[in-house]
Amino acid sequence: MRTEDALLVIVGLLAAVTVLFLTLGMWLYLKNQRIKNNSVDHVLGKVVGYSANQSRAPIVEYEVNGRKYKSTLRYSAVITTSSTFNPVKSEIKGDLLATKLRIRNNSVMSVNTIMQESFPIGSRMNVYYNPDKPKESFVERFAPSYVGMIFMGVAVIPIVSVVLIIVLS
């Protein structure tokens, strides 16, 4: 294979990766914005469980037009700090309804029952949903997701690579 052909293949692959990451990033970003902007109707939901991730956020069941849906209290970021000097029972630094959750754990043994104590099974929480697509919703307050923007930012790397390859060849 000639050097020019190899260069063309590399540029083509980098361009494909760029398009893929930009497309995925835009789709995730626009979906996030759609949920934020279109979730204008409100209903009270009931806590029916807790997520399996480290936040243990409440899962809330709500009903729209006779159909039941579930949504989880989401966070933009969950920051966990561990130390052997922290208490065994996990603690929250700040507000539970802030978009960033800060948890302090004991690094040897830790019990995280904060959400269960704050939002027990059966307790009521506000759910805001899109009246046209009731499955699109958020609990209590909107927490932006930065995943789409991260994908779009990563898409810049292949673009810069292509430019560098073209300039340096």
N, C-alpha and C. Protein backbone atom coordinates (compact mmCIF):
# COMPACT_ATOMS: atom_id res chain seq x y z
N MET A 1 0.85 -1.18 0.00
CA MET A 1 0.00 0.00 0.00
C MET A 1 0.90 1.24 0.00
N ARG A 2 0.55 2.16 -0.85
CA ARG A 2 1.31 3.40 -0.94
C ARG A 2 1.03 4.28 0.27
N THR A 3 1.97 5.17 0.55
CA THR A 3 1.86 6.07 1.70
C THR A 3 0.62 6.96 1.56
N GLU A 4 0.36 7.42 0.33
CA GLU A 4 -0.81 8.29 0.11
C GLU A 4 -2.10 7.54 0.38
N ASP A 5 -2.14 6.24 0.00
CA ASP A 5 -3.35 5.43 0.23
C ASP A 5 -3.55 5.19 1.72
N ALA A 6 -2.46 4.90 2.42
CA ALA A 6 -2.54 4.67 3.87
C ALA A 6 -3.01 5.94 4.57
N LEU A 7 -2.48 7.07 4.14
CA LEU A 7 -2.87 8.35 4.71
C LEU A 7 -4.36 8.62 4.48
N LEU A 8 -4.84 8.29 3.29
CA LEU A 8 -6.25 8.48 2.95
C LEU A 8 -7.14 7.59 3.83
N VAL A 9 -6.71 6.36 4.07
CA VAL A 9 -7.48 5.45 4.93
C VAL A 9 -7.53 5.99 6.36
N ILE A 10 -6.40 6.46 6.87
CA ILE A 10 -6.35 7.00 8.24
C ILE A 10 -7.25 8.23 8.35
N VAL A 11 -7.17 9.13 7.39
CA VAL A 11 -8.01 10.33 7.40
C VAL A 11 -9.48 9.95 7.33
N GLY A 12 -9.80 8.96 6.51
CA GLY A 12 -11.19 8.50 6.39
C GLY A 12 -11.70 7.91 7.70
N LEU A 13 -10.88 7.10 8.36
CA LEU A 13 -11.28 6.53 9.65
C LEU A 13 -11.47 7.59 10.72
N LEU A 14 -10.55 8.54 10.77
CA LEU A 14 -10.67 9.62 11.74
C LEU A 14 -11.91 10.48 11.47
N ALA A 15 -12.20 10.70 10.20
CA ALA A 15 -13.41 11.46 9.84
C ALA A 15 -14.67 10.69 10.26
N ALA A 16 -14.67 9.37 10.06
CA ALA A 16 -15.82 8.56 10.46
C ALA A 16 -16.02 8.59 11.97
N VAL A 17 -14.93 8.49 12.72
CA VAL A 17 -15.02 8.56 14.18
C VAL A 17 -15.54 9.92 14.62
N THR A 18 -15.08 10.97 13.96
CA THR A 18 -15.53 12.32 14.27
C THR A 18 -17.03 12.45 14.05
N VAL A 19 -17.50 11.99 12.90
CA VAL A 19 -18.94 12.08 12.59
C VAL A 19 -19.75 11.26 13.60
N LEU A 20 -19.26 10.08 13.95
CA LEU A 20 -19.96 9.23 14.91
C LEU A 20 -20.06 9.92 16.28
N PHE A 21 -18.95 10.44 16.78
CA PHE A 21 -18.96 11.09 18.09
C PHE A 21 -19.79 12.38 18.07
N LEU A 22 -19.69 13.16 17.00
CA LEU A 22 -20.50 14.39 16.91
C LEU A 22 -21.99 14.06 16.86
N THR A 23 -22.35 13.05 16.07
CA THR A 23 -23.76 12.65 15.94
C THR A 23 -24.30 12.16 17.28
N LEU A 24 -23.57 11.26 17.93
CA LEU A 24 -24.00 10.73 19.22
C LEU A 24 -24.06 11.84 20.27
N GLY A 25 -23.06 12.70 20.29
CA GLY A 25 -23.05 13.81 21.24
C GLY A 25 -24.21 14.76 21.03
N MET A 26 -24.49 15.11 19.78
CA MET A 26 -25.62 16.01 19.49
C MET A 26 -26.93 15.37 19.88
N TRP A 27 -27.09 14.06 19.57
CA TRP A 27 -28.33 13.35 19.91
C TRP A 27 -28.55 13.36 21.43
N LEU A 28 -27.51 13.04 22.20
CA LEU A 28 -27.63 13.04 23.65
C LEU A 28 -27.90 14.44 24.20
N TYR A 29 -27.21 15.43 23.66
CA TYR A 29 -27.41 16.80 24.12
C TYR A 29 -28.83 17.28 23.83
N LEU A 30 -29.31 17.02 22.61
CA LEU A 30 -30.66 17.46 22.23
C LEU A 30 -31.74 16.72 23.03
N LYS A 31 -31.51 15.45 23.30
CA LYS A 31 -32.46 14.69 24.13
C LYS A 31 -32.53 15.30 25.52
N ASN A 32 -31.39 15.62 26.09
CA ASN A 32 -31.31 16.27 27.40
C ASN A 32 -32.07 17.60 27.39
N GLN A 33 -31.87 18.40 26.36
CA GLN A 33 -32.55 19.70 26.25
C GLN A 33 -34.05 19.52 26.07
N ARG A 34 -34.44 18.51 25.30
CA ARG A 34 -35.87 18.24 25.07
C ARG A 34 -36.55 17.89 26.39
N ILE A 35 -35.91 17.05 27.20
CA ILE A 35 -36.50 16.68 28.49
C ILE A 35 -36.61 17.93 29.37
N LYS A 36 -35.57 18.73 29.39
CA LYS A 36 -35.58 19.95 30.21
C LYS A 36 -36.68 20.92 29.77
N ASN A 37 -36.80 21.15 28.47
CA ASN A 37 -37.72 22.17 27.98
C ASN A 37 -39.17 21.70 27.87
N ASN A 38 -39.39 20.40 27.65
CA ASN A 38 -40.75 19.91 27.40
C ASN A 38 -41.42 19.26 28.60
N SER A 39 -40.70 19.06 29.67
CA SER A 39 -41.30 18.45 30.86
C SER A 39 -41.97 19.54 31.68
N VAL A 40 -43.16 19.90 31.23
CA VAL A 40 -43.86 21.04 31.82
C VAL A 40 -45.06 20.64 32.66
N ASP A 41 -45.55 19.42 32.51
CA ASP A 41 -46.67 18.98 33.33
C ASP A 41 -46.12 18.34 34.60
N HIS A 42 -46.93 18.36 35.64
CA HIS A 42 -46.48 17.94 36.96
C HIS A 42 -47.46 16.93 37.56
N VAL A 43 -46.93 15.95 38.26
CA VAL A 43 -47.75 14.99 38.98
C VAL A 43 -46.96 14.55 40.22
N LEU A 44 -47.66 14.13 41.25
CA LEU A 44 -46.98 13.57 42.42
C LEU A 44 -46.79 12.08 42.19
N GLY A 45 -45.57 11.63 42.36
CA GLY A 45 -45.27 10.21 42.23
C GLY A 45 -44.95 9.62 43.59
N LYS A 46 -44.80 8.29 43.60
CA LYS A 46 -44.56 7.58 44.85
C LYS A 46 -43.23 6.82 44.76
N VAL A 47 -42.40 6.92 45.78
CA VAL A 47 -41.14 6.20 45.83
C VAL A 47 -41.44 4.70 45.95
N VAL A 48 -40.89 3.92 44.99
CA VAL A 48 -41.15 2.48 44.98
C VAL A 48 -39.86 1.66 45.13
N GLY A 49 -38.71 2.32 45.11
CA GLY A 49 -37.44 1.59 45.23
C GLY A 49 -36.28 2.56 45.16
N TYR A 50 -35.08 1.96 45.02
CA TYR A 50 -33.86 2.77 44.98
C TYR A 50 -32.94 2.23 43.90
N SER A 51 -32.22 3.11 43.24
CA SER A 51 -31.33 2.71 42.16
C SER A 51 -30.16 1.90 42.72
N ALA A 52 -29.55 1.13 41.85
CA ALA A 52 -28.43 0.28 42.26
C ALA A 52 -27.09 0.99 42.20
N ASN A 53 -27.06 2.20 41.63
CA ASN A 53 -25.77 2.90 41.54
C ASN A 53 -25.38 3.48 42.89
N GLN A 54 -24.23 4.13 42.97
CA GLN A 54 -23.71 4.57 44.25
C GLN A 54 -24.55 5.63 44.94
N SER A 55 -25.39 6.35 44.21
CA SER A 55 -26.22 7.37 44.85
C SER A 55 -27.40 6.75 45.60
N ARG A 56 -27.84 5.58 45.18
CA ARG A 56 -29.02 4.91 45.76
C ARG A 56 -30.25 5.82 45.67
N ALA A 57 -30.33 6.59 44.58
CA ALA A 57 -31.40 7.57 44.39
C ALA A 57 -32.76 6.88 44.31
N PRO A 58 -33.81 7.57 44.79
CA PRO A 58 -35.13 6.96 44.77
C PRO A 58 -35.68 6.78 43.34
N ILE A 59 -36.37 5.67 43.15
CA ILE A 59 -37.10 5.41 41.91
C ILE A 59 -38.54 5.77 42.21
N VAL A 60 -39.11 6.64 41.38
CA VAL A 60 -40.45 7.17 41.63
C VAL A 60 -41.40 6.69 40.53
N GLU A 61 -42.52 6.11 40.95
CA GLU A 61 -43.54 5.68 40.00
C GLU A 61 -44.61 6.78 39.93
N TYR A 62 -45.02 7.10 38.70
CA TYR A 62 -46.05 8.12 38.53
C TYR A 62 -47.02 7.66 37.44
N GLU A 63 -48.19 8.26 37.44
CA GLU A 63 -49.24 7.84 36.51
C GLU A 63 -49.70 9.02 35.67
N VAL A 64 -49.80 8.78 34.35
CA VAL A 64 -50.29 9.79 33.42
C VAL A 64 -51.29 9.09 32.50
N ASN A 65 -52.51 9.60 32.44
CA ASN A 65 -53.57 9.04 31.59
C ASN A 65 -53.77 7.55 31.83
N GLY A 66 -53.74 7.12 33.09
CA GLY A 66 -53.97 5.73 33.43
C GLY A 66 -52.81 4.79 33.20
N ARG A 67 -51.69 5.30 32.72
CA ARG A 67 -50.51 4.47 32.47
C ARG A 67 -49.41 4.82 33.47
N LYS A 68 -48.75 3.79 34.01
CA LYS A 68 -47.71 4.01 35.00
C LYS A 68 -46.32 4.07 34.36
N TYR A 69 -45.50 4.96 34.90
CA TYR A 69 -44.12 5.15 34.45
C TYR A 69 -43.23 5.22 35.68
N LYS A 70 -41.92 5.05 35.46
CA LYS A 70 -40.96 5.20 36.55
C LYS A 70 -39.84 6.14 36.12
N SER A 71 -39.38 6.92 37.07
CA SER A 71 -38.26 7.83 36.83
C SER A 71 -37.41 7.86 38.10
N THR A 72 -36.13 8.14 37.93
CA THR A 72 -35.21 8.17 39.06
C THR A 72 -34.72 9.59 39.30
N LEU A 73 -34.56 9.94 40.55
CA LEU A 73 -33.94 11.22 40.89
C LEU A 73 -32.51 11.17 40.35
N ARG A 74 -32.18 12.07 39.42
CA ARG A 74 -30.87 12.04 38.77
C ARG A 74 -29.96 13.14 39.31
N TYR A 75 -28.68 12.87 39.18
CA TYR A 75 -27.65 13.84 39.57
C TYR A 75 -26.72 14.05 38.39
N SER A 76 -26.24 15.28 38.23
CA SER A 76 -25.24 15.56 37.19
C SER A 76 -23.92 14.90 37.53
N ALA A 77 -23.63 14.83 38.81
CA ALA A 77 -22.38 14.20 39.27
C ALA A 77 -22.60 13.65 40.67
N VAL A 78 -21.98 12.51 40.92
CA VAL A 78 -21.95 11.93 42.27
C VAL A 78 -20.48 11.85 42.67
N ILE A 79 -20.13 12.59 43.70
CA ILE A 79 -18.74 12.66 44.15
C ILE A 79 -18.65 11.95 45.49
N THR A 80 -17.85 10.90 45.52
CA THR A 80 -17.69 10.12 46.75
C THR A 80 -16.28 10.29 47.28
N THR A 81 -16.18 10.61 48.56
CA THR A 81 -14.87 10.66 49.22
C THR A 81 -14.87 9.61 50.31
N SER A 82 -13.80 8.84 50.36
CA SER A 82 -13.68 7.77 51.35
C SER A 82 -12.44 7.98 52.20
N SER A 83 -12.59 7.64 53.46
CA SER A 83 -11.47 7.71 54.39
C SER A 83 -11.76 6.74 55.54
N THR A 84 -10.73 6.17 56.09
CA THR A 84 -10.93 5.30 57.25
C THR A 84 -11.38 6.08 58.47
N PHE A 85 -11.22 7.41 58.43
CA PHE A 85 -11.60 8.25 59.56
C PHE A 85 -13.05 8.73 59.47
N ASN A 86 -13.72 8.52 58.30
CA ASN A 86 -15.13 8.90 58.17
C ASN A 86 -15.98 7.89 58.94
N PRO A 87 -17.17 8.31 59.39
CA PRO A 87 -18.05 7.38 60.10
C PRO A 87 -18.50 6.23 59.19
N VAL A 88 -18.91 5.10 59.79
CA VAL A 88 -19.35 3.93 59.03
C VAL A 88 -20.62 4.27 58.24
N LYS A 89 -21.49 5.05 58.83
CA LYS A 89 -22.71 5.46 58.15
C LYS A 89 -22.38 6.61 57.19
N SER A 90 -22.72 6.44 55.93
CA SER A 90 -22.43 7.47 54.92
C SER A 90 -23.11 8.78 55.28
N GLU A 91 -22.47 9.87 54.87
CA GLU A 91 -23.00 11.21 55.12
C GLU A 91 -23.07 11.98 53.81
N ILE A 92 -24.01 12.90 53.74
CA ILE A 92 -24.14 13.77 52.58
C ILE A 92 -23.61 15.14 52.96
N LYS A 93 -22.80 15.69 52.08
CA LYS A 93 -22.32 17.05 52.27
C LYS A 93 -23.14 17.94 51.34
N GLY A 94 -23.94 18.82 51.90
CA GLY A 94 -24.80 19.68 51.08
C GLY A 94 -26.23 19.18 51.02
N ASP A 95 -26.93 19.60 50.00
CA ASP A 95 -28.35 19.34 49.84
C ASP A 95 -28.59 18.07 49.01
N LEU A 96 -29.49 17.21 49.46
CA LEU A 96 -29.83 15.98 48.73
C LEU A 96 -30.46 16.28 47.37
N LEU A 97 -31.09 17.44 47.23
CA LEU A 97 -31.74 17.77 45.97
C LEU A 97 -30.88 18.67 45.07
N ALA A 98 -29.64 18.90 45.46
CA ALA A 98 -28.72 19.63 44.57
C ALA A 98 -28.41 18.72 43.38
N THR A 99 -27.95 19.30 42.28
CA THR A 99 -27.67 18.47 41.10
C THR A 99 -26.37 17.69 41.23
N LYS A 100 -25.50 18.09 42.16
CA LYS A 100 -24.28 17.33 42.45
C LYS A 100 -24.42 16.75 43.84
N LEU A 101 -24.26 15.44 43.93
CA LEU A 101 -24.37 14.76 45.21
C LEU A 101 -22.97 14.45 45.73
N ARG A 102 -22.71 14.86 46.97
CA ARG A 102 -21.41 14.60 47.60
C ARG A 102 -21.61 13.65 48.78
N ILE A 103 -21.01 12.46 48.67
CA ILE A 103 -21.16 11.43 49.70
C ILE A 103 -19.82 11.19 50.38
N ARG A 104 -19.84 11.12 51.71
CA ARG A 104 -18.64 10.76 52.48
C ARG A 104 -18.84 9.37 53.03
N ASN A 105 -17.91 8.46 52.70
CA ASN A 105 -17.97 7.07 53.14
C ASN A 105 -16.77 6.71 53.99
N ASN A 106 -16.89 5.62 54.71
CA ASN A 106 -15.76 5.01 55.37
C ASN A 106 -15.15 4.04 54.37
N SER A 107 -13.85 4.08 54.16
CA SER A 107 -13.22 3.26 53.12
C SER A 107 -13.14 1.78 53.50
N VAL A 108 -13.28 1.45 54.76
CA VAL A 108 -13.22 0.05 55.19
C VAL A 108 -14.60 -0.58 55.14
N MET A 109 -15.58 0.08 55.75
CA MET A 109 -16.95 -0.42 55.77
C MET A 109 -17.88 0.78 55.77
N SER A 110 -18.92 0.69 54.94
CA SER A 110 -19.80 1.83 54.83
C SER A 110 -21.24 1.37 54.64
N VAL A 111 -22.16 2.07 55.27
CA VAL A 111 -23.59 1.79 55.15
C VAL A 111 -24.24 3.06 54.59
N ASN A 112 -24.84 2.94 53.39
CA ASN A 112 -25.47 4.09 52.75
C ASN A 112 -26.99 3.92 52.79
N THR A 113 -27.62 4.52 53.79
CA THR A 113 -29.09 4.47 53.91
C THR A 113 -29.68 5.88 53.85
N ILE A 114 -28.91 6.81 53.35
CA ILE A 114 -29.34 8.21 53.33
C ILE A 114 -30.63 8.40 52.55
N MET A 115 -30.68 7.84 51.33
CA MET A 115 -31.87 8.03 50.50
C MET A 115 -33.09 7.33 51.12
N GLN A 116 -32.89 6.13 51.67
CA GLN A 116 -34.01 5.41 52.28
C GLN A 116 -34.58 6.19 53.47
N GLU A 117 -33.71 6.85 54.21
CA GLU A 117 -34.17 7.63 55.36
C GLU A 117 -34.83 8.94 54.92
N SER A 118 -34.28 9.55 53.88
CA SER A 118 -34.81 10.84 53.42
C SER A 118 -36.05 10.71 52.55
N PHE A 119 -36.09 9.64 51.75
CA PHE A 119 -37.22 9.40 50.83
C PHE A 119 -37.70 7.96 51.02
N PRO A 120 -38.43 7.67 52.13
CA PRO A 120 -38.84 6.29 52.38
C PRO A 120 -39.82 5.78 51.31
N ILE A 121 -39.89 4.46 51.18
CA ILE A 121 -40.84 3.83 50.25
C ILE A 121 -42.23 4.37 50.57
N GLY A 122 -42.95 4.75 49.52
CA GLY A 122 -44.31 5.27 49.69
C GLY A 122 -44.37 6.78 49.81
N SER A 123 -43.23 7.45 50.06
CA SER A 123 -43.27 8.91 50.16
C SER A 123 -43.51 9.52 48.79
N ARG A 124 -44.01 10.72 48.78
CA ARG A 124 -44.38 11.41 47.53
C ARG A 124 -43.26 12.35 47.07
N MET A 125 -43.05 12.37 45.75
CA MET A 125 -42.07 13.28 45.15
C MET A 125 -42.67 13.88 43.89
N ASN A 126 -42.26 15.09 43.56
CA ASN A 126 -42.73 15.77 42.35
C ASN A 126 -42.07 15.17 41.12
N VAL A 127 -42.87 14.92 40.09
CA VAL A 127 -42.36 14.44 38.81
C VAL A 127 -42.84 15.42 37.74
N TYR A 128 -41.92 15.90 36.93
CA TYR A 128 -42.25 16.78 35.82
C TYR A 128 -42.04 15.97 34.55
N TYR A 129 -43.05 15.98 33.67
CA TYR A 129 -42.99 15.12 32.48
C TYR A 129 -43.45 15.85 31.23
N ASN A 130 -43.06 15.29 30.09
CA ASN A 130 -43.45 15.80 28.78
C ASN A 130 -44.85 15.28 28.50
N PRO A 131 -45.86 16.15 28.33
CA PRO A 131 -47.22 15.67 28.10
C PRO A 131 -47.36 14.86 26.79
N ASP A 132 -46.50 15.11 25.82
CA ASP A 132 -46.55 14.35 24.56
C ASP A 132 -45.84 13.01 24.68
N LYS A 133 -44.86 12.91 25.57
CA LYS A 133 -44.09 11.68 25.81
C LYS A 133 -43.89 11.56 27.32
N PRO A 134 -44.90 11.06 28.04
CA PRO A 134 -44.82 11.05 29.51
C PRO A 134 -43.63 10.28 30.09
N LYS A 135 -43.02 9.40 29.30
CA LYS A 135 -41.85 8.67 29.78
C LYS A 135 -40.65 9.61 29.96
N GLU A 136 -40.61 10.71 29.22
CA GLU A 136 -39.56 11.71 29.35
C GLU A 136 -39.90 12.57 30.57
N SER A 137 -39.09 12.45 31.62
CA SER A 137 -39.44 13.12 32.87
C SER A 137 -38.20 13.34 33.72
N PHE A 138 -38.40 14.10 34.78
CA PHE A 138 -37.38 14.22 35.82
C PHE A 138 -38.08 14.37 37.16
N VAL A 139 -37.37 13.98 38.22
CA VAL A 139 -37.92 14.00 39.58
C VAL A 139 -37.38 15.21 40.32
N GLU A 140 -38.30 16.00 40.89
CA GLU A 140 -38.03 17.16 41.75
C GLU A 140 -37.37 18.34 41.04
N ARG A 141 -36.24 18.13 40.36
CA ARG A 141 -35.57 19.24 39.66
C ARG A 141 -34.75 18.62 38.52
N PHE A 142 -34.48 19.44 37.51
CA PHE A 142 -33.73 18.95 36.36
C PHE A 142 -32.24 18.98 36.68
N ALA A 143 -31.56 17.86 36.38
CA ALA A 143 -30.11 17.78 36.56
C ALA A 143 -29.50 17.53 35.18
N PRO A 144 -28.80 18.49 34.62
CA PRO A 144 -28.27 18.32 33.27
C PRO A 144 -27.25 17.18 33.18
N SER A 145 -27.27 16.50 32.06
CA SER A 145 -26.28 15.46 31.78
C SER A 145 -25.22 16.07 30.86
N TYR A 146 -23.97 15.84 31.18
CA TYR A 146 -22.88 16.39 30.38
C TYR A 146 -22.30 15.39 29.40
N VAL A 147 -22.89 14.21 29.30
CA VAL A 147 -22.35 13.15 28.44
C VAL A 147 -22.32 13.59 26.98
N GLY A 148 -23.39 14.21 26.49
CA GLY A 148 -23.43 14.67 25.10
C GLY A 148 -22.32 15.66 24.78
N MET A 149 -22.10 16.60 25.69
CA MET A 149 -21.05 17.59 25.48
C MET A 149 -19.67 16.94 25.53
N ILE A 150 -19.51 15.92 26.37
CA ILE A 150 -18.23 15.20 26.42
C ILE A 150 -17.97 14.50 25.10
N PHE A 151 -18.99 13.85 24.54
CA PHE A 151 -18.82 13.19 23.24
C PHE A 151 -18.45 14.19 22.16
N MET A 152 -19.11 15.36 22.16
CA MET A 152 -18.79 16.37 21.16
C MET A 152 -17.37 16.90 21.36
N GLY A 153 -16.96 17.03 22.62
CA GLY A 153 -15.59 17.48 22.90
C GLY A 153 -14.56 16.46 22.44
N VAL A 154 -14.85 15.18 22.65
CA VAL A 154 -13.94 14.12 22.22
C VAL A 154 -13.86 14.09 20.69
N ALA A 155 -14.92 14.48 20.00
CA ALA A 155 -14.92 14.51 18.54
C ALA A 155 -13.90 15.49 17.98
N VAL A 156 -13.49 16.45 18.79
CA VAL A 156 -12.50 17.43 18.35
C VAL A 156 -11.13 16.77 18.15
N ILE A 157 -10.83 15.74 18.92
CA ILE A 157 -9.52 15.08 18.85
C ILE A 157 -9.26 14.52 17.44
N PRO A 158 -10.17 13.76 16.83
CA PRO A 158 -9.90 13.30 15.46
C PRO A 158 -9.80 14.44 14.45
N ILE A 159 -10.57 15.51 14.65
CA ILE A 159 -10.50 16.65 13.73
C ILE A 159 -9.09 17.25 13.77
N VAL A 160 -8.58 17.46 14.98
CA VAL A 160 -7.23 18.01 15.14
C VAL A 160 -6.22 17.04 14.55
N SER A 161 -6.40 15.74 14.74
CA SER A 161 -5.50 14.73 14.18
C SER A 161 -5.46 14.80 12.65
N VAL A 162 -6.64 14.92 12.04
CA VAL A 162 -6.71 15.00 10.58
C VAL A 162 -5.98 16.23 10.09
N VAL A 163 -6.22 17.36 10.74
CA VAL A 163 -5.56 18.60 10.34
C VAL A 163 -4.04 18.46 10.47
N LEU A 164 -3.58 17.88 11.57
CA LEU A 164 -2.15 17.70 11.77
C LEU A 164 -1.55 16.76 10.73
N ILE A 165 -2.26 15.68 10.39
CA ILE A 165 -1.77 14.74 9.38
C ILE A 165 -1.65 15.42 8.03
N ILE A 166 -2.66 16.22 7.68
CA ILE A 166 -2.63 16.89 6.38
C ILE A 166 -1.52 17.94 6.35
N VAL A 167 -1.40 18.70 7.43
CA VAL A 167 -0.38 19.76 7.47
C VAL A 167 1.03 19.18 7.47
N LEU A 168 1.25 18.10 8.21
CA LEU A 168 2.58 17.53 8.34
C LEU A 168 2.98 16.60 7.20
N SER A 169 2.03 16.22 6.34
CA SER A 169 2.40 15.31 5.25
C SER A 169 2.82 16.04 4.00
